[in-house]
C-alpha atoms as a PDB file:
ATOM      1  CA  MET A   1      59.247 243.118 137.896  1.00  0.00           C
ATOM      2  CA  GLU A   2      60.208 240.799 140.729  1.00  0.00           C
ATOM      3  CA  GLU A   3      59.593 241.319 144.434  1.00  0.00           C
ATOM      4  CA  LYS A   4      62.100 240.418 147.100  1.00  0.00           C
ATOM      5  CA  TYR A   5      60.851 237.981 149.763  1.00  0.00           C
ATOM      6  CA  VAL A   6      62.294 236.090 152.657  1.00  0.00           C
ATOM      7  CA  ILE A   7      61.305 232.392 153.242  1.00  0.00           C
ATOM      8  CA  ASN A   8      61.744 230.823 156.606  1.00  0.00           C
ATOM      9  CA  CYS A   9      62.717 227.281 155.373  1.00  0.00           C
ATOM     10  CA  PRO A  10      62.760 224.552 157.889  1.00  0.00           C
ATOM     11  CA  ARG A  11      65.952 223.008 156.350  1.00  0.00           C
ATOM     12  CA  CYS A  12      67.855 226.176 155.264  1.00  0.00           C
ATOM     13  CA  GLY A  13      66.657 228.864 157.711  1.00  0.00           C
ATOM     14  CA  ARG A  14      66.212 232.461 156.425  1.00  0.00           C
ATOM     15  CA  VAL A  15      66.596 232.543 152.600  1.00  0.00           C
ATOM     16  CA  GLU A  16      66.031 235.603 150.478  1.00  0.00           C
ATOM     17  CA  GLY A  17      64.647 235.245 146.966  1.00  0.00           C
ATOM     18  CA  LEU A  18      62.471 236.802 144.305  1.00  0.00           C
ATOM     19  CA  VAL A  19      58.924 236.050 143.421  1.00  0.00           C
ATOM     20  CA  ALA A  20      58.310 236.708 139.737  1.00  0.00           C
ATOM     21  CA  ASP A  21      55.398 238.975 138.699  1.00  0.00           C
ATOM     22  CA  SER A  22      52.772 236.864 137.047  1.00  0.00           C
ATOM     23  CA  SER A  23      52.552 239.505 134.287  1.00  0.00           C
ATOM     24  CA  GLU A  24      56.075 239.032 133.091  1.00  0.00           C
ATOM     25  CA  GLU A  25      56.930 237.602 129.633  1.00  0.00           C
ATOM     26  CA  PRO A  26      58.595 234.213 129.580  1.00  0.00           C
ATOM     27  CA  GLY A  27      62.281 234.359 129.765  1.00  0.00           C
ATOM     28  CA  GLU A  28      62.240 237.456 132.078  1.00  0.00           C
ATOM     29  CA  SER A  29      62.063 235.449 135.301  1.00  0.00           C
ATOM     30  CA  PRO A  30      64.832 235.725 137.851  1.00  0.00           C
ATOM     31  CA  GLU A  31      67.544 233.136 138.094  1.00  0.00           C
ATOM     32  CA  ALA A  32      66.630 229.708 139.497  1.00  0.00           C
ATOM     33  CA  GLU A  33      68.894 230.098 142.460  1.00  0.00           C
ATOM     34  CA  THR A  34      66.930 233.096 143.723  1.00  0.00           C
ATOM     35  CA  LEU A  35      63.416 232.136 142.464  1.00  0.00           C
ATOM     36  CA  ILE A  36      60.783 231.370 145.094  1.00  0.00           C
ATOM     37  CA  GLU A  37      58.182 229.414 143.177  1.00  0.00           C
ATOM     38  CA  GLU A  38      54.551 229.452 143.948  1.00  0.00           C
ATOM     39  CA  ASP A  39      52.113 226.598 143.258  1.00  0.00           C
ATOM     40  CA  VAL A  40      48.528 225.840 143.930  1.00  0.00           C
ATOM     41  CA  VAL A  41      47.708 222.362 144.924  1.00  0.00           C
ATOM     42  CA  ARG A  42      44.457 220.399 145.615  1.00  0.00           C
ATOM     43  CA  THR A  43      43.935 219.218 149.216  1.00  0.00           C
ATOM     44  CA  PRO A  44      40.993 217.557 150.884  1.00  0.00           C
ATOM     45  CA  ALA A  45      40.077 221.012 152.204  1.00  0.00           C
ATOM     46  CA  GLY A  46      40.379 222.578 148.835  1.00  0.00           C
ATOM     47  CA  PRO A  47      42.973 224.536 146.847  1.00  0.00           C
ATOM     48  CA  ALA A  48      46.159 225.472 148.919  1.00  0.00           C
ATOM     49  CA  ILE A  49      49.185 227.667 148.016  1.00  0.00           C
ATOM     50  CA  ARG A  50      52.648 226.415 148.612  1.00  0.00           C
ATOM     51  CA  MET A  51      56.055 228.043 148.100  1.00  0.00           C
ATOM     52  CA  ARG A  52      59.367 226.560 147.100  1.00  0.00           C
ATOM     53  CA  CYS A  53      62.655 227.317 148.782  1.00  0.00           C
ATOM     54  CA  PRO A  54      65.139 228.442 146.118  1.00  0.00           C
ATOM     55  CA  ARG A  55      68.060 226.831 148.039  1.00  0.00           C
ATOM     56  CA  CYS A  56      66.961 223.222 148.774  1.00  0.00           C
ATOM     57  CA  GLY A  57      63.665 222.958 146.783  1.00  0.00           C
ATOM     58  CA  GLN A  58      61.402 222.090 149.847  1.00  0.00           C
ATOM     59  CA  TRP A  59      57.761 223.173 149.557  1.00  0.00           C
ATOM     60  CA  VAL A  60      56.566 225.179 152.505  1.00  0.00           C
ATOM     61  CA  LYS A  61      53.287 226.885 153.444  1.00  0.00           C
ATOM     62  CA  PRO A  62      52.932 230.545 152.408  1.00  0.00           C
ATOM     63  CA  ASP A  63      52.820 231.779 155.955  1.00  0.00           C
ATOM     64  CA  ARG A  64      56.606 231.013 156.108  1.00  0.00           C
ATOM     65  CA  VAL A  65      57.172 233.677 153.323  1.00  0.00           C
ATOM     66  CA  HIS A  66      57.070 237.483 153.748  1.00  0.00           C
ATOM     67  CA  PRO A  67      58.267 240.617 151.941  1.00  0.00           C
ATOM     68  CA  ALA A  68      61.921 241.487 152.622  1.00  0.00           C
END
């Protein structure tokens, strides 16, 4: 099941999208145009989460994403 979120993208402004539930089976994820991807990256301060705007593809900090 997907959860609806709003991302405040510096390029696109307010963009609504879906964040896929990690327990979903492959192939059940939402369409790419509405999918807000989440990724964990390594930084000098340790692991950090980033989110991807479904409209332009820019990665942003998770504090710019909130439930719709």
